[in-house]
Amino acid sequence: MDTPSAEKSQNAAKLSSSNLAFSRRLADLPGPKGIPLLGNAHQIKSVKFHLTLENWAREFGALYKIRIGSRQLLVLSDHAVIGNLLRDRPDAVRRTSYVTQVLTETGISGLFTAEMSEWRKQRKLVMRALTADVIRNFFPTLISMIERLLRRWQAAVADADPIDMLRDLKAFTLDVTVAMAMGQDINTLEHDDNPLQQDIEAVFNRIGRRVTMPFPYWRYVKLPIDRAADACMARIIEAVSSFITQTRNRLDQNPSLRAKPTNMLEALVAARDEPDSEFTDADVIGNAVTMVFAGEDTTANTLAWLMNLLASDPQATAHIAAEADAACGEVGVLQEFHALEHLVYSEAAIHEAMRLKPVAPALALEVNSDLVIEEDLLIPKGTEIMAMLRRAAQEDAQFTQPDDFRPERWLSDPHATTSGDITRQLFAFGGGTRLCPGRYLAMTEMKMVMSMVVRNFALELDADAPPVEEIFAFTMKPSAVPVLLRQRQFN
């Protein structure tokens, strides 16, 4: 049900082309004291960027201002206002020009960085390759990849070998993404010498560093670490370009695939090659590269956070195991696509992990026109807004016991959330029309992996491991996954 604060906030973010009524400006907001030239940049470590902003929110409230170099930002953690802003994308609000430029110059473009009419054009194309029917057709391939992950972990457990779970999860999700998007099985899971995963990690780290810098020095002087990141990106683009060449050859040999593509890259290449196409080779490369980045890091890190949480919650793990046992039957990996619908508690646990440990704890936005929020605060055109998604999802007004891991809140408990509408309560996949187009694939992957894990293994925390830290590298990842797998014993 709606709360009074939710009713009040229906007009919390309202647009007008003229006669804006307001009584406050950004200059009237509180915020941490900065220094000349740098502003607050010296107070922010890039790997702890989100934690610093969340700590300031506890001190200064849901609306405050900071300055990073010459850029003044509004930091916002009000759940209702963020929801309204996300629903106004892409017309009233966009990804910040600064972040978009950092991504574009790094080599990431396509749907992720597109705005307005260009975004609508590219989204229509990408969504054709990420429908439920496409994922259903991909399901047998997904099963084989999860079985490969299961065999790897079973062998490690049998030999008492350590498992680098974070590395394996990233390799697995990269394999799934490349297979789904490009029809290629690169098998980085079993081949540690494949540099693609390490290259993606290096580029993510560099982007995370750049978006928090007060001055874009790399546009003038590149340090060794910048040149190394450029080399990593060049190898990624080279690999994707090779996949594109193979795809075009496959389409030439089998023209029927142009009408009924079997993966995203076939759809992109077919659209590019149509007469009078509005797409370019750069669009194909940009969206293919974006898919690789978007599908690998985000899903793997969410799974890693969920593994950490479940290892500390035997009761929640038991619920997931009971579902997995019923869905999998006598086999170790779920085999029927329709059985995913029965993994209700598993899905709730994933949502709860994304609320507490979102891979995107903050989202950088920019307003396209003057607007008024909170009924009296003027936000001028071009203002950058740092929407604190995790902080907003831990408000007492939205959830009871917001700091606790409680998957049940996403089920039938009417007191657990203020609304049953997940897209309005949880911004893990964005909001409004710019919801992540890959969310269905991501949820399918995560439910399949977790059902496999609890069906075959018992989880326990490594008591000798140091505490897990949150690391911001454009996405938020755990410093480690100190979870030990034991062969599950059945009574």
Protein backbone atom coordinates (compact mmCIF):
# COMPACT_ATOMS: atom_id res chain seq x y z
CA MET A 1 0.00 0.00 0.00
CA ASP A 2 1.07 3.60 -0.54
CA THR A 3 2.44 5.50 2.42
CA PRO A 4 1.70 9.20 3.06
CA SER A 5 5.25 10.03 2.01
CA ALA A 6 4.71 8.15 -1.24
CA GLU A 7 1.48 10.08 -1.90
CA LYS A 8 3.24 13.34 -1.19
CA SER A 9 6.05 12.47 -3.56
CA GLN A 10 3.92 11.88 -6.63
CA ASN A 11 4.87 15.40 -7.71
CA ALA A 12 8.30 15.32 -6.10
CA ALA A 13 10.02 15.59 -9.46
CA LYS A 14 8.01 17.78 -11.82
CA LEU A 15 9.03 19.43 -15.06
CA SER A 16 8.01 22.75 -16.49
CA SER A 17 9.34 24.82 -19.35
CA SER A 18 8.55 28.11 -17.64
CA ASN A 19 7.29 29.71 -14.45
CA LEU A 20 8.97 27.22 -12.16
CA ALA A 21 7.96 27.84 -8.57
CA PHE A 22 10.80 27.26 -6.13
CA SER A 23 12.22 28.64 -2.92
CA ARG A 24 15.56 26.79 -2.73
CA ARG A 25 18.61 26.44 -4.96
CA LEU A 26 21.52 24.02 -4.90
CA ALA A 27 23.60 26.64 -3.10
CA ASP A 28 21.16 26.43 -0.19
CA LEU A 29 21.83 22.74 0.39
CA PRO A 30 24.25 21.45 3.02
CA GLY A 31 27.31 19.43 2.12
CA PRO A 32 30.87 18.59 3.12
CA LYS A 33 33.34 21.45 3.09
CA GLY A 34 35.76 21.36 0.17
CA ILE A 35 38.97 23.10 -0.84
CA PRO A 36 39.78 25.38 -3.79
CA LEU A 37 40.13 23.68 -7.20
CA LEU A 38 39.58 20.13 -5.93
CA GLY A 39 36.34 20.67 -4.05
CA ASN A 40 35.63 17.41 -2.23
CA ALA A 41 37.69 15.23 -4.57
CA HIS A 42 40.53 14.83 -2.07
CA GLN A 43 38.07 13.33 0.42
CA ILE A 44 36.95 10.57 -1.95
CA LYS A 45 38.86 7.36 -2.68
CA SER A 46 37.64 5.92 -5.97
CA VAL A 47 37.31 2.36 -4.62
CA LYS A 48 35.17 3.67 -1.71
CA PHE A 49 33.31 6.31 -3.71
CA HIS A 50 29.81 5.03 -2.87
CA LEU A 51 30.57 4.51 0.82
CA THR A 52 31.84 8.06 1.19
CA LEU A 53 28.68 9.48 -0.38
CA GLU A 54 26.47 7.23 1.76
CA ASN A 55 28.27 8.35 4.92
CA TRP A 56 27.74 11.98 3.96
CA ALA A 57 24.04 11.23 3.40
CA ARG A 58 23.82 10.08 7.01
CA GLU A 59 25.36 13.38 8.06
CA PHE A 60 23.72 15.86 5.67
CA GLY A 61 20.46 14.14 4.75
CA ALA A 62 18.76 12.87 1.61
CA LEU A 63 19.69 15.99 -0.38
CA TYR A 64 23.14 17.57 -0.28
CA LYS A 65 25.74 18.95 -2.64
CA ILE A 66 29.38 18.11 -3.35
CA ARG A 67 31.98 19.39 -5.80
CA ILE A 68 34.50 17.29 -7.70
CA GLY A 69 36.87 19.70 -9.40
CA SER A 70 34.69 22.10 -11.38
CA ARG A 71 31.67 19.75 -11.32
CA GLN A 72 28.97 20.46 -8.77
CA LEU A 73 26.74 17.47 -8.02
CA LEU A 74 23.46 17.01 -6.20
CA VAL A 75 23.58 13.81 -4.14
CA LEU A 76 20.11 12.35 -3.73
CA SER A 77 18.92 9.37 -1.70
CA ASP A 78 15.18 10.02 -1.49
CA HIS A 79 13.51 6.86 -2.83
CA ALA A 80 10.42 8.52 -4.27
CA VAL A 81 12.31 11.31 -6.04
CA ILE A 82 14.78 8.85 -7.56
CA GLY A 83 11.89 6.73 -8.80
CA ASN A 84 10.28 9.73 -10.48
CA LEU A 85 13.55 10.78 -12.10
CA LEU A 86 14.17 7.29 -13.48
CA ARG A 87 10.67 7.18 -14.93
CA ASP A 88 11.41 10.48 -16.70
CA ARG A 89 14.31 8.97 -18.62
CA PRO A 90 15.40 9.49 -21.34
CA ASP A 91 13.45 12.67 -22.14
CA ALA A 92 13.87 14.72 -18.96
CA VAL A 93 16.87 12.95 -17.44
CA ARG A 94 19.90 11.29 -19.01
CA ARG A 95 23.12 9.62 -18.04
CA THR A 96 25.61 12.39 -17.22
CA SER A 97 27.57 13.83 -20.12
CA TYR A 98 30.77 13.34 -18.13
CA VAL A 99 30.23 9.61 -17.52
CA THR A 100 29.05 9.10 -21.10
CA GLN A 101 32.20 10.76 -22.39
CA VAL A 102 34.40 8.62 -20.14
CA LEU A 103 32.68 5.46 -21.38
CA THR A 104 32.75 6.50 -25.02
CA GLU A 105 36.39 7.47 -25.08
CA THR A 106 37.20 4.18 -23.35
CA GLY A 107 35.46 2.32 -26.18
CA ILE A 108 32.05 1.51 -24.68
CA SER A 109 29.14 2.87 -26.71
CA GLY A 110 25.87 1.65 -28.18
CA LEU A 111 22.63 1.33 -26.21
CA PHE A 112 24.28 1.98 -22.84
CA THR A 113 25.49 5.47 -23.77
CA ALA A 114 22.82 6.42 -26.33
CA GLU A 115 20.20 9.02 -25.46
CA MET A 116 16.84 10.29 -26.74
CA SER A 117 15.91 9.15 -30.29
CA GLU A 118 19.22 7.32 -30.76
CA TRP A 119 18.52 5.30 -27.62
CA ARG A 120 15.01 4.39 -28.82
CA LYS A 121 16.39 3.23 -32.16
CA GLN A 122 19.08 1.04 -30.65
CA ARG A 123 16.90 -0.35 -27.86
CA LYS A 124 14.36 -1.64 -30.36
CA LEU A 125 17.13 -3.56 -32.07
CA VAL A 126 18.76 -4.96 -28.90
CA MET A 127 15.44 -6.04 -27.37
CA ARG A 128 14.76 -8.27 -30.38
CA ALA A 129 17.66 -10.43 -29.26
CA LEU A 130 16.81 -10.58 -25.53
CA THR A 131 13.18 -11.69 -25.47
CA ALA A 132 11.91 -14.54 -23.32
CA ASP A 133 11.55 -16.72 -26.44
CA VAL A 134 15.19 -16.15 -27.38
CA ILE A 135 16.34 -17.02 -23.86
CA ARG A 136 14.12 -20.11 -23.88
CA ASN A 137 15.85 -21.25 -27.09
CA PHE A 138 19.22 -20.56 -25.46
CA PHE A 139 18.30 -22.58 -22.37
CA PRO A 140 19.95 -25.88 -23.45
CA THR A 141 23.24 -24.04 -23.94
CA LEU A 142 22.87 -22.43 -20.52
CA ILE A 143 22.32 -25.86 -18.97
CA SER A 144 25.52 -27.20 -20.51
CA MET A 145 27.51 -24.23 -19.20
CA ILE A 146 26.13 -24.63 -15.68
CA GLU A 147 26.94 -28.34 -15.82
CA ARG A 148 30.50 -27.34 -16.75
CA LEU A 149 30.66 -25.07 -13.69
CA LEU A 150 29.27 -27.88 -11.53
CA ARG A 151 31.91 -30.35 -12.75
CA ARG A 152 34.68 -27.87 -12.07
CA TRP A 153 33.54 -27.25 -8.49
CA GLN A 154 32.83 -30.92 -7.81
CA ALA A 155 36.36 -31.80 -8.89
CA ALA A 156 37.83 -29.08 -6.69
CA VAL A 157 35.82 -30.23 -3.66
CA ALA A 158 36.77 -33.88 -4.24
CA ASP A 159 40.48 -32.96 -4.44
CA ALA A 160 40.25 -30.46 -1.56
CA ASP A 161 41.50 -27.74 -3.91
CA PRO A 162 40.74 -24.06 -3.18
CA ILE A 163 38.07 -22.44 -5.35
CA ASP A 164 38.47 -18.86 -6.57
CA MET A 165 34.73 -18.40 -6.62
CA LEU A 166 34.71 -14.78 -7.80
CA ARG A 167 37.00 -15.61 -10.71
CA ASP A 168 34.92 -18.65 -11.69
CA LEU A 169 31.64 -16.75 -11.51
CA LYS A 170 33.01 -14.00 -13.75
CA ALA A 171 34.37 -16.54 -16.22
CA PHE A 172 31.04 -18.37 -16.25
CA THR A 173 28.93 -15.25 -16.82
CA LEU A 174 31.33 -14.05 -19.52
CA ASP A 175 30.97 -17.41 -21.30
CA VAL A 176 27.18 -17.18 -21.07
CA THR A 177 27.11 -13.58 -22.32
CA VAL A 178 29.36 -14.24 -25.31
CA ALA A 179 27.43 -17.40 -26.21
CA MET A 180 24.08 -15.62 -25.91
CA ALA A 181 25.16 -12.45 -27.68
CA MET A 182 27.50 -13.86 -30.30
CA GLY A 183 27.00 -17.58 -30.59
CA GLN A 184 30.56 -18.35 -29.46
CA ASP A 185 31.71 -20.72 -26.72
CA ILE A 186 35.00 -19.17 -25.55
CA ASN A 187 35.12 -21.31 -22.36
CA THR A 188 37.11 -18.93 -20.18
CA LEU A 189 35.92 -21.00 -17.20
CA GLU A 190 38.25 -23.88 -18.02
CA HIS A 191 40.97 -21.86 -19.76
CA ASP A 192 42.67 -19.47 -17.36
CA ASP A 193 44.97 -18.29 -20.14
CA ASN A 194 42.13 -16.52 -21.98
CA PRO A 195 42.90 -12.82 -21.35
CA LEU A 196 39.40 -11.52 -22.08
CA GLN A 197 38.15 -11.72 -18.48
CA GLN A 198 41.28 -10.00 -17.10
CA ASP A 199 41.03 -7.32 -19.79
CA ILE A 200 37.40 -6.57 -18.88
CA GLU A 201 38.33 -6.33 -15.20
CA ALA A 202 41.16 -3.91 -15.97
CA VAL A 203 38.93 -1.65 -18.07
CA PHE A 204 36.19 -1.61 -15.40
CA ASN A 205 38.75 -0.58 -12.78
CA ARG A 206 40.04 2.23 -14.99
CA ILE A 207 36.54 3.54 -15.68
CA GLY A 208 35.72 3.48 -11.98
CA ARG A 209 38.81 5.53 -11.29
CA ARG A 210 38.16 8.05 -14.07
CA VAL A 211 34.54 8.85 -13.19
CA THR A 212 35.66 10.03 -9.74
CA MET A 213 38.66 12.10 -10.89
CA PRO A 214 38.47 15.90 -10.49
CA PHE A 215 40.33 16.45 -13.77
CA PRO A 216 40.46 14.23 -16.93
CA TYR A 217 44.26 14.20 -17.14
CA TRP A 218 44.30 11.14 -19.47
CA ARG A 219 43.00 13.29 -22.31
CA TYR A 220 46.28 15.17 -22.23
CA VAL A 221 48.85 12.85 -20.64
CA LYS A 222 48.45 9.09 -20.33
CA LEU A 223 50.09 7.25 -17.49
CA PRO A 224 51.29 3.64 -17.85
CA ILE A 225 48.07 2.40 -16.24
CA ASP A 226 46.03 4.31 -18.85
CA ARG A 227 48.07 2.86 -21.71
CA ALA A 228 47.61 -0.61 -20.22
CA ALA A 229 43.83 -0.08 -20.06
CA ASP A 230 43.85 1.11 -23.69
CA ALA A 231 45.68 -2.07 -24.67
CA CYS A 232 43.11 -4.16 -22.81
CA MET A 233 40.27 -2.41 -24.60
CA ALA A 234 41.99 -2.86 -27.96
CA ARG A 235 42.16 -6.61 -27.35
CA ILE A 236 38.47 -6.70 -26.37
CA ILE A 237 37.48 -4.84 -29.54
CA GLU A 238 39.71 -7.11 -31.61
CA ALA A 239 38.01 -10.20 -30.15
CA VAL A 240 34.54 -8.76 -30.76
CA SER A 241 35.49 -7.71 -34.31
CA SER A 242 36.57 -11.28 -34.97
CA PHE A 243 33.18 -12.52 -33.75
CA ILE A 244 31.49 -10.01 -36.07
CA THR A 245 33.49 -11.24 -39.07
CA GLN A 246 32.55 -14.85 -38.29
CA THR A 247 28.91 -13.84 -37.90
CA ARG A 248 28.80 -12.03 -41.25
CA ASN A 249 30.35 -15.07 -42.94
CA ARG A 250 27.77 -17.31 -41.30
CA LEU A 251 24.93 -15.06 -42.51
CA ASP A 252 26.34 -15.08 -46.05
CA GLN A 253 26.43 -18.87 -46.00
CA ASN A 254 22.93 -19.14 -44.49
CA PRO A 255 20.84 -16.11 -45.58
CA SER A 256 17.77 -17.37 -43.70
CA LEU A 257 19.49 -16.32 -40.46
CA ARG A 258 19.07 -12.69 -41.50
CA ALA A 259 15.30 -13.06 -41.15
CA LYS A 260 15.50 -15.26 -38.04
CA PRO A 261 18.75 -14.48 -36.19
CA THR A 262 19.73 -16.86 -33.38
CA ASN A 263 21.71 -14.36 -31.30
CA MET A 264 22.13 -10.64 -30.77
CA LEU A 265 25.15 -10.27 -33.03
CA GLU A 266 23.35 -11.89 -35.96
CA ALA A 267 20.48 -9.44 -35.44
CA LEU A 268 22.86 -6.47 -35.28
CA VAL A 269 24.82 -7.50 -38.39
CA ALA A 270 21.62 -8.27 -40.32
CA ALA A 271 20.21 -4.85 -39.46
CA ARG A 272 23.49 -3.16 -40.40
CA ASP A 273 23.58 -4.89 -43.78
CA GLU A 274 20.00 -4.02 -44.79
CA PRO A 275 19.62 -1.53 -47.66
CA ASP A 276 19.43 2.05 -46.41
CA SER A 277 20.31 0.86 -42.91
CA GLU A 278 20.43 3.52 -40.23
CA PHE A 279 23.08 1.50 -38.37
CA THR A 280 26.84 1.58 -38.85
CA ASP A 281 29.68 -0.83 -38.17
CA ALA A 282 30.46 1.29 -35.11
CA ASP A 283 26.93 0.62 -33.80
CA VAL A 284 27.45 -3.11 -34.17
CA ILE A 285 30.83 -3.06 -32.42
CA GLY A 286 29.60 -0.68 -29.70
CA ASN A 287 26.55 -2.74 -28.77
CA ALA A 288 28.47 -6.01 -28.92
CA VAL A 289 31.19 -4.66 -26.63
CA THR A 290 28.56 -3.19 -24.29
CA MET A 291 26.83 -6.56 -24.04
CA VAL A 292 30.10 -8.22 -23.03
CA PHE A 293 30.67 -5.68 -20.27
CA ALA A 294 27.08 -5.47 -19.05
CA GLY A 295 26.53 -9.22 -18.87
CA GLU A 296 29.77 -10.33 -17.25
CA ASP A 297 30.50 -8.09 -14.31
CA THR A 298 27.03 -7.28 -13.01
CA THR A 299 25.61 -10.81 -12.90
CA ALA A 300 28.80 -12.34 -11.50
CA ASN A 301 29.08 -9.79 -8.70
CA THR A 302 25.43 -10.18 -7.74
CA LEU A 303 25.93 -13.95 -7.50
CA ALA A 304 29.08 -13.40 -5.43
CA TRP A 305 27.26 -11.12 -2.99
CA LEU A 306 24.39 -13.61 -2.74
CA MET A 307 26.79 -16.47 -1.99
CA ASN A 308 28.30 -14.41 0.84
CA LEU A 309 24.87 -13.64 2.28
CA LEU A 310 23.56 -17.20 2.06
CA ALA A 311 26.67 -18.66 3.69
CA SER A 312 25.71 -16.63 6.77
CA ASP A 313 22.02 -17.57 6.63
CA PRO A 314 21.41 -21.35 6.82
CA GLN A 315 17.66 -20.88 7.03
CA ALA A 316 17.45 -18.95 3.74
CA THR A 317 19.80 -21.45 2.12
CA ALA A 318 17.55 -24.31 3.25
CA HIS A 319 14.54 -22.64 1.61
CA ILE A 320 16.41 -22.34 -1.69
CA ALA A 321 17.67 -25.92 -1.42
CA ALA A 322 14.13 -27.23 -0.91
CA GLU A 323 13.00 -25.42 -4.05
CA ALA A 324 16.02 -26.67 -5.99
CA ASP A 325 15.46 -30.27 -4.91
CA ALA A 326 11.86 -30.15 -6.10
CA ALA A 327 12.73 -28.43 -9.39
CA CYS A 328 15.81 -30.51 -10.27
CA GLY A 329 14.53 -33.92 -9.29
CA GLU A 330 17.30 -36.50 -9.33
CA VAL A 331 19.77 -34.43 -11.38
CA GLY A 332 22.23 -31.78 -10.25
CA VAL A 333 21.18 -29.02 -12.66
CA LEU A 334 17.65 -27.86 -13.45
CA GLN A 335 16.65 -29.19 -16.88
CA GLU A 336 13.20 -27.72 -17.58
CA PHE A 337 12.75 -24.07 -18.50
CA HIS A 338 9.24 -23.89 -17.02
CA ALA A 339 10.62 -25.07 -13.65
CA LEU A 340 12.25 -21.66 -13.21
CA GLU A 341 8.80 -20.35 -12.28
CA HIS A 342 8.86 -22.50 -9.14
CA LEU A 343 12.08 -20.94 -7.80
CA VAL A 344 10.08 -18.25 -6.00
CA TYR A 345 12.16 -18.02 -2.84
CA SER A 346 15.36 -18.09 -4.91
CA GLU A 347 14.17 -15.08 -6.86
CA ALA A 348 13.27 -13.30 -3.64
CA ALA A 349 16.76 -13.95 -2.28
CA ILE A 350 18.29 -12.50 -5.46
CA HIS A 351 16.15 -9.37 -5.13
CA GLU A 352 17.19 -9.01 -1.50
CA ALA A 353 20.87 -9.40 -2.40
CA MET A 354 20.48 -6.70 -5.06
CA ARG A 355 18.86 -4.41 -2.50
CA LEU A 356 21.59 -4.82 0.14
CA LYS A 357 24.57 -5.26 -2.18
CA PRO A 358 23.65 -3.69 -5.54
CA VAL A 359 26.32 -3.73 -8.20
CA ALA A 360 25.17 -0.18 -8.97
CA PRO A 361 24.92 1.50 -5.53
CA ALA A 362 24.88 4.91 -7.23
CA LEU A 363 23.70 6.13 -10.62
CA ALA A 364 24.93 9.32 -12.26
CA LEU A 365 22.16 11.34 -13.94
CA GLU A 366 21.89 14.73 -15.61
CA VAL A 367 18.76 16.83 -16.13
CA ASN A 368 17.90 17.96 -19.65
CA SER A 369 15.75 20.89 -18.52
CA ASP A 370 15.22 22.96 -15.41
CA LEU A 371 13.09 21.05 -12.94
CA VAL A 372 11.81 21.32 -9.40
CA ILE A 373 12.01 18.45 -6.92
CA GLU A 374 10.81 18.17 -3.34
CA GLU A 375 8.23 20.78 -4.43
CA ASP A 376 10.58 23.74 -3.90
CA LEU A 377 14.18 22.90 -4.96
CA LEU A 378 15.29 24.18 -8.37
CA ILE A 379 17.62 21.87 -10.33
CA PRO A 380 19.04 23.82 -13.29
CA LYS A 381 19.50 22.22 -16.69
CA GLY A 382 22.77 20.31 -16.93
CA THR A 383 23.04 19.62 -13.20
CA GLU A 384 24.61 16.26 -12.37
CA ILE A 385 22.69 14.15 -9.87
CA MET A 386 24.24 11.23 -8.03
CA ALA A 387 21.27 9.01 -7.22
CA MET A 388 22.20 6.80 -4.27
CA LEU A 389 20.22 3.69 -5.16
CA ARG A 390 21.38 1.50 -2.28
CA ARG A 391 20.82 4.21 0.31
CA ALA A 392 17.31 4.83 -1.07
CA ALA A 393 16.50 1.10 -0.85
CA GLN A 394 17.37 1.02 2.84
CA GLU A 395 14.95 3.67 4.00
CA ASP A 396 12.75 2.74 6.95
CA ALA A 397 9.81 4.20 5.03
CA GLN A 398 10.28 1.60 2.29
CA PHE A 399 11.19 -1.53 4.22
CA THR A 400 10.86 -2.87 7.73
CA GLN A 401 14.23 -3.86 9.23
CA PRO A 402 15.98 -2.45 6.14
CA ASP A 403 19.50 -3.56 7.13
CA ASP A 404 18.56 -7.23 7.45
CA PHE A 405 18.78 -9.91 4.77
CA ARG A 406 15.15 -10.98 4.56
CA PRO A 407 14.14 -12.60 1.25
CA GLU A 408 10.63 -13.04 2.68
CA ARG A 409 10.00 -9.33 2.21
CA TRP A 410 9.62 -9.98 -1.53
CA LEU A 411 7.02 -12.69 -1.04
CA SER A 412 3.60 -12.38 0.59
CA ASP A 413 4.43 -10.51 3.79
CA PRO A 414 2.30 -7.31 3.57
CA HIS A 415 4.41 -5.64 6.25
CA ALA A 416 7.80 -6.26 4.60
CA THR A 417 7.53 -3.59 1.92
CA THR A 418 5.30 -0.61 1.29
CA SER A 419 4.40 -1.94 -2.15
CA GLY A 420 4.51 -5.23 -3.98
CA ASP A 421 5.72 -3.57 -7.18
CA ILE A 422 9.38 -4.58 -7.38
CA THR A 423 10.25 -2.11 -10.16
CA ARG A 424 9.11 0.74 -7.90
CA GLN A 425 10.90 -0.54 -4.82
CA LEU A 426 14.14 -1.83 -6.28
CA PHE A 427 16.30 -0.01 -8.82
CA ALA A 428 18.83 -2.79 -9.46
CA PHE A 429 17.90 -2.86 -13.15
CA GLY A 430 17.16 0.84 -13.44
CA GLY A 431 13.65 2.22 -13.77
CA GLY A 432 11.10 3.51 -16.24
CA THR A 433 11.64 2.80 -19.93
CA ARG A 434 15.39 2.39 -19.40
CA LEU A 435 15.06 -0.84 -17.46
CA CYS A 436 18.01 -3.08 -18.30
CA PRO A 437 17.13 -5.10 -21.43
CA GLY A 438 19.21 -8.03 -20.14
CA ARG A 439 17.39 -8.40 -16.81
CA TYR A 440 15.46 -11.53 -17.87
CA LEU A 441 18.67 -13.28 -18.92
CA ALA A 442 20.41 -12.17 -15.71
CA MET A 443 17.62 -13.46 -13.48
CA THR A 444 17.54 -16.76 -15.39
CA GLU A 445 21.30 -17.18 -14.98
CA MET A 446 21.25 -16.38 -11.28
CA LYS A 447 18.35 -18.68 -10.44
CA MET A 448 19.97 -21.51 -12.40
CA VAL A 449 23.36 -21.06 -10.70
CA MET A 450 21.98 -20.81 -7.18
CA SER A 451 19.71 -23.84 -7.63
CA MET A 452 22.75 -25.80 -8.86
CA VAL A 453 24.91 -24.69 -5.93
CA VAL A 454 22.49 -25.51 -3.11
CA ARG A 455 21.33 -28.70 -4.82
CA ASN A 456 24.88 -30.09 -4.81
CA PHE A 457 26.82 -28.30 -2.07
CA ALA A 458 26.62 -27.09 1.50
CA LEU A 459 27.86 -23.51 2.01
CA GLU A 460 29.88 -22.24 4.94
CA LEU A 461 31.92 -19.11 5.55
CA ASP A 462 35.69 -19.44 5.74
CA ALA A 463 36.30 -18.52 9.37
CA ASP A 464 39.92 -17.65 8.65
CA ALA A 465 39.17 -15.20 5.84
CA PRO A 466 39.28 -11.43 6.43
CA PRO A 467 36.00 -9.47 6.28
CA VAL A 468 34.61 -8.91 2.81
CA GLU A 469 34.96 -5.32 1.63
CA GLU A 470 32.93 -3.38 -0.93
CA ILE A 471 35.06 -2.16 -3.83
CA PHE A 472 33.78 0.41 -6.30
CA ALA A 473 35.13 -0.13 -9.81
CA PHE A 474 32.26 1.44 -11.78
CA THR A 475 30.28 -1.49 -10.40
CA MET A 476 30.42 -2.58 -6.76
CA LYS A 477 32.18 -5.90 -6.27
CA PRO A 478 33.17 -7.90 -3.20
CA SER A 479 36.84 -8.07 -2.32
CA ALA A 480 36.45 -11.86 -2.09
CA VAL A 481 33.95 -14.67 -1.72
CA PRO A 482 35.19 -16.52 1.39
CA VAL A 483 32.63 -19.29 0.98
CA LEU A 484 33.66 -22.92 1.29
CA LEU A 485 31.76 -25.59 -0.62
CA ARG A 486 31.23 -29.01 0.90
CA GLN A 487 29.67 -31.98 -0.81
CA ARG A 488 26.04 -31.94 0.27
CA GLN A 489 24.96 -34.87 2.40
CA PHE A 490 21.46 -36.22 1.92
CA ASN A 491 19.61 -38.07 4.68
